[in-house]
Amino acid sequence: MTQAAAQTRPFRVHARHLDSQHARVLQEASFEAAAVAYVEDLHPTAGDDDISVIVRDLATGHEHCFRIDLDSGEAALCG
C-alpha cells in the first residue's frame, strides 16, 4: 500500500439539495478534499455560483456541510 493510500479514508458525500440516496463514497485525505472531489465529478448546472455538500466520515460518523465556490474551487463551512 502506498503512503498516499494509507492516509486516505472513506467519506460519503452528497449534494445538500439532493436526497442522500444520491451519495457517493470517496477515498480522500480530508473532509474538504472529499467535498471538492465530489463536486468535480458532479458537473453542476451552468449558472450556479456555488453548491453545498454534506460530507460524512464513514469511520467516525462525523459530518460537515461545505459550500463550494464553483469558480475558484474553494470550500468553506456552510453558514
N, C-alpha and C. Protein backbone atom coordinates (compact mmCIF):
# COMPACT_ATOMS: atom_id res chain seq x y z
N MET A 1 0.85 -1.18 0.00
CA MET A 1 0.00 0.00 0.00
C MET A 1 0.89 1.24 0.00
N THR A 2 0.58 2.21 -0.84
CA THR A 2 1.38 3.43 -0.89
C THR A 2 1.07 4.31 0.31
N GLN A 3 1.97 5.24 0.60
CA GLN A 3 1.77 6.14 1.72
C GLN A 3 0.52 7.00 1.50
N ALA A 4 0.28 7.46 0.27
CA ALA A 4 -0.89 8.30 -0.03
C ALA A 4 -2.18 7.52 0.23
N ALA A 5 -2.22 6.25 -0.18
CA ALA A 5 -3.41 5.44 0.02
C ALA A 5 -3.65 5.19 1.51
N ALA A 6 -2.57 5.08 2.28
CA ALA A 6 -2.71 4.84 3.72
C ALA A 6 -3.27 6.05 4.44
N GLN A 7 -3.11 7.24 3.87
CA GLN A 7 -3.56 8.47 4.52
C GLN A 7 -4.98 8.86 4.13
N THR A 8 -5.61 8.14 3.25
CA THR A 8 -6.98 8.46 2.88
C THR A 8 -7.94 7.61 3.71
N ARG A 9 -9.20 8.06 3.75
CA ARG A 9 -10.24 7.31 4.44
C ARG A 9 -11.55 7.51 3.69
N PRO A 10 -12.53 6.66 3.93
CA PRO A 10 -13.77 6.75 3.17
C PRO A 10 -14.71 7.83 3.71
N PHE A 11 -15.25 8.60 2.78
CA PHE A 11 -16.25 9.62 3.08
C PHE A 11 -17.48 9.37 2.21
N ARG A 12 -18.64 9.63 2.75
CA ARG A 12 -19.89 9.55 1.99
C ARG A 12 -20.33 10.98 1.74
N VAL A 13 -20.50 11.36 0.48
CA VAL A 13 -20.77 12.75 0.11
C VAL A 13 -21.99 12.84 -0.77
N HIS A 14 -22.86 13.85 -0.49
CA HIS A 14 -23.98 14.12 -1.39
C HIS A 14 -24.29 15.62 -1.38
N ALA A 15 -24.84 16.09 -2.49
CA ALA A 15 -25.24 17.49 -2.59
C ALA A 15 -26.38 17.74 -1.60
N ARG A 16 -26.34 18.87 -0.94
CA ARG A 16 -27.34 19.19 0.08
C ARG A 16 -28.75 19.22 -0.50
N HIS A 17 -28.89 19.63 -1.75
CA HIS A 17 -30.22 19.76 -2.35
C HIS A 17 -30.73 18.43 -2.91
N LEU A 18 -29.89 17.38 -2.89
CA LEU A 18 -30.30 16.07 -3.38
C LEU A 18 -30.53 15.12 -2.20
N ASP A 19 -31.36 14.13 -2.42
CA ASP A 19 -31.59 13.09 -1.43
C ASP A 19 -30.29 12.34 -1.18
N SER A 20 -30.09 11.87 0.04
CA SER A 20 -28.85 11.18 0.39
C SER A 20 -28.67 9.87 -0.38
N GLN A 21 -29.71 9.40 -1.06
CA GLN A 21 -29.58 8.20 -1.89
C GLN A 21 -28.66 8.47 -3.09
N HIS A 22 -28.39 9.74 -3.38
CA HIS A 22 -27.52 10.11 -4.49
C HIS A 22 -26.07 10.30 -4.04
N ALA A 23 -25.75 9.81 -2.85
CA ALA A 23 -24.40 9.96 -2.30
C ALA A 23 -23.40 9.06 -3.01
N ARG A 24 -22.13 9.46 -2.91
CA ARG A 24 -21.02 8.65 -3.42
C ARG A 24 -20.04 8.45 -2.29
N VAL A 25 -19.38 7.31 -2.28
CA VAL A 25 -18.32 7.05 -1.31
C VAL A 25 -16.99 7.33 -2.00
N LEU A 26 -16.20 8.19 -1.39
CA LEU A 26 -14.91 8.59 -1.95
C LEU A 26 -13.80 8.36 -0.95
N GLN A 27 -12.63 7.97 -1.41
CA GLN A 27 -11.44 7.83 -0.57
C GLN A 27 -10.63 9.12 -0.70
N GLU A 28 -10.57 9.90 0.36
CA GLU A 28 -9.84 11.17 0.34
C GLU A 28 -9.12 11.38 1.66
N ALA A 29 -8.27 12.37 1.71
CA ALA A 29 -7.47 12.65 2.90
C ALA A 29 -8.18 13.52 3.93
N SER A 30 -9.21 14.27 3.50
CA SER A 30 -9.89 15.19 4.42
C SER A 30 -11.33 15.41 3.98
N PHE A 31 -12.11 16.00 4.89
CA PHE A 31 -13.49 16.37 4.58
C PHE A 31 -13.52 17.30 3.37
N GLU A 32 -12.65 18.31 3.38
CA GLU A 32 -12.62 19.29 2.30
C GLU A 32 -12.27 18.65 0.96
N ALA A 33 -11.28 17.76 0.96
CA ALA A 33 -10.88 17.09 -0.27
C ALA A 33 -12.01 16.24 -0.82
N ALA A 34 -12.76 15.58 0.06
CA ALA A 34 -13.90 14.77 -0.38
C ALA A 34 -14.99 15.65 -0.98
N ALA A 35 -15.24 16.81 -0.37
CA ALA A 35 -16.26 17.73 -0.89
C ALA A 35 -15.89 18.22 -2.29
N VAL A 36 -14.66 18.64 -2.47
CA VAL A 36 -14.22 19.16 -3.77
C VAL A 36 -14.21 18.04 -4.82
N ALA A 37 -13.74 16.85 -4.46
CA ALA A 37 -13.72 15.72 -5.41
C ALA A 37 -15.13 15.38 -5.87
N TYR A 38 -16.10 15.41 -4.96
CA TYR A 38 -17.49 15.12 -5.32
C TYR A 38 -18.00 16.15 -6.33
N VAL A 39 -17.75 17.42 -6.07
CA VAL A 39 -18.25 18.49 -6.94
C VAL A 39 -17.57 18.42 -8.31
N GLU A 40 -16.30 18.05 -8.36
CA GLU A 40 -15.61 17.93 -9.65
C GLU A 40 -16.27 16.89 -10.54
N ASP A 41 -16.81 15.83 -9.94
CA ASP A 41 -17.48 14.78 -10.71
C ASP A 41 -18.96 15.04 -10.93
N LEU A 42 -19.54 15.97 -10.17
CA LEU A 42 -20.98 16.22 -10.22
C LEU A 42 -21.41 16.96 -11.47
N HIS A 43 -20.60 17.86 -11.98
CA HIS A 43 -20.94 18.70 -13.13
C HIS A 43 -22.21 19.50 -12.86
N PRO A 44 -22.14 20.45 -11.89
CA PRO A 44 -23.32 21.25 -11.55
C PRO A 44 -23.86 22.03 -12.76
N THR A 45 -25.10 22.44 -12.64
CA THR A 45 -25.78 23.19 -13.68
C THR A 45 -25.05 24.49 -13.98
N ALA A 46 -24.90 24.81 -15.25
CA ALA A 46 -24.29 26.08 -15.65
C ALA A 46 -25.07 27.23 -15.05
N GLY A 47 -24.37 28.24 -14.59
CA GLY A 47 -25.02 29.39 -13.98
C GLY A 47 -25.01 29.34 -12.46
N ASP A 48 -24.75 28.17 -11.88
CA ASP A 48 -24.65 28.07 -10.42
C ASP A 48 -23.32 28.68 -9.99
N ASP A 49 -23.35 29.48 -8.91
CA ASP A 49 -22.12 30.07 -8.39
C ASP A 49 -21.46 29.17 -7.36
N ASP A 50 -22.30 28.43 -6.61
CA ASP A 50 -21.77 27.54 -5.60
C ASP A 50 -22.74 26.40 -5.35
N ILE A 51 -22.28 25.41 -4.60
CA ILE A 51 -23.10 24.26 -4.26
C ILE A 51 -22.73 23.83 -2.84
N SER A 52 -23.71 23.38 -2.09
CA SER A 52 -23.46 22.88 -0.74
C SER A 52 -23.51 21.36 -0.75
N VAL A 53 -22.55 20.75 -0.06
CA VAL A 53 -22.48 19.29 0.02
C VAL A 53 -22.33 18.85 1.47
N ILE A 54 -22.87 17.68 1.77
CA ILE A 54 -22.76 17.07 3.09
C ILE A 54 -21.71 15.97 3.00
N VAL A 55 -20.73 15.99 3.90
CA VAL A 55 -19.64 15.02 3.90
C VAL A 55 -19.64 14.30 5.25
N ARG A 56 -19.72 12.95 5.20
CA ARG A 56 -19.70 12.14 6.42
C ARG A 56 -18.49 11.21 6.39
N ASP A 57 -17.72 11.25 7.47
CA ASP A 57 -16.59 10.33 7.64
C ASP A 57 -17.19 8.98 8.03
N LEU A 58 -17.02 7.97 7.21
CA LEU A 58 -17.64 6.67 7.46
C LEU A 58 -17.03 5.95 8.66
N ALA A 59 -15.80 6.28 9.01
CA ALA A 59 -15.16 5.63 10.15
C ALA A 59 -15.65 6.18 11.49
N THR A 60 -15.90 7.49 11.54
CA THR A 60 -16.26 8.13 12.81
C THR A 60 -17.71 8.56 12.89
N GLY A 61 -18.35 8.73 11.74
CA GLY A 61 -19.72 9.23 11.71
C GLY A 61 -19.83 10.74 11.76
N HIS A 62 -18.70 11.44 11.91
CA HIS A 62 -18.73 12.90 11.93
C HIS A 62 -19.16 13.41 10.56
N GLU A 63 -19.91 14.50 10.58
CA GLU A 63 -20.49 15.05 9.35
C GLU A 63 -20.29 16.55 9.31
N HIS A 64 -19.98 17.07 8.12
CA HIS A 64 -19.81 18.51 7.92
C HIS A 64 -20.50 18.91 6.62
N CYS A 65 -20.94 20.16 6.58
CA CYS A 65 -21.52 20.74 5.37
C CYS A 65 -20.52 21.77 4.83
N PHE A 66 -20.27 21.70 3.52
CA PHE A 66 -19.37 22.65 2.88
C PHE A 66 -20.07 23.32 1.71
N ARG A 67 -19.77 24.60 1.53
CA ARG A 67 -20.22 25.33 0.34
C ARG A 67 -18.99 25.47 -0.55
N ILE A 68 -19.12 24.98 -1.78
CA ILE A 68 -18.01 25.00 -2.73
C ILE A 68 -18.26 26.10 -3.75
N ASP A 69 -17.30 27.01 -3.89
CA ASP A 69 -17.36 28.04 -4.92
C ASP A 69 -16.96 27.38 -6.23
N LEU A 70 -17.86 27.36 -7.20
CA LEU A 70 -17.62 26.64 -8.45
C LEU A 70 -16.59 27.32 -9.35
N ASP A 71 -16.36 28.61 -9.15
CA ASP A 71 -15.34 29.31 -9.95
C ASP A 71 -13.94 29.06 -9.42
N SER A 72 -13.77 29.14 -8.10
CA SER A 72 -12.43 29.01 -7.53
C SER A 72 -12.12 27.61 -6.99
N GLY A 73 -13.16 26.84 -6.68
CA GLY A 73 -12.96 25.51 -6.08
C GLY A 73 -12.73 25.58 -4.59
N GLU A 74 -12.84 26.76 -3.99
CA GLU A 74 -12.62 26.90 -2.55
C GLU A 74 -13.80 26.33 -1.77
N ALA A 75 -13.48 25.69 -0.65
CA ALA A 75 -14.50 25.11 0.22
C ALA A 75 -14.56 25.89 1.53
N ALA A 76 -15.78 26.17 1.98
CA ALA A 76 -16.00 26.83 3.26
C ALA A 76 -17.16 26.12 3.96
N LEU A 77 -17.12 26.12 5.29
CA LEU A 77 -18.20 25.51 6.03
C LEU A 77 -19.51 26.25 5.75
N CYS A 78 -20.59 25.51 5.68
CA CYS A 78 -21.91 26.13 5.48
C CYS A 78 -22.19 27.03 6.67
N GLY A 79 -22.82 28.15 6.41
CA GLY A 79 -23.06 29.10 7.50
C GLY A 79 -24.42 29.29 7.86
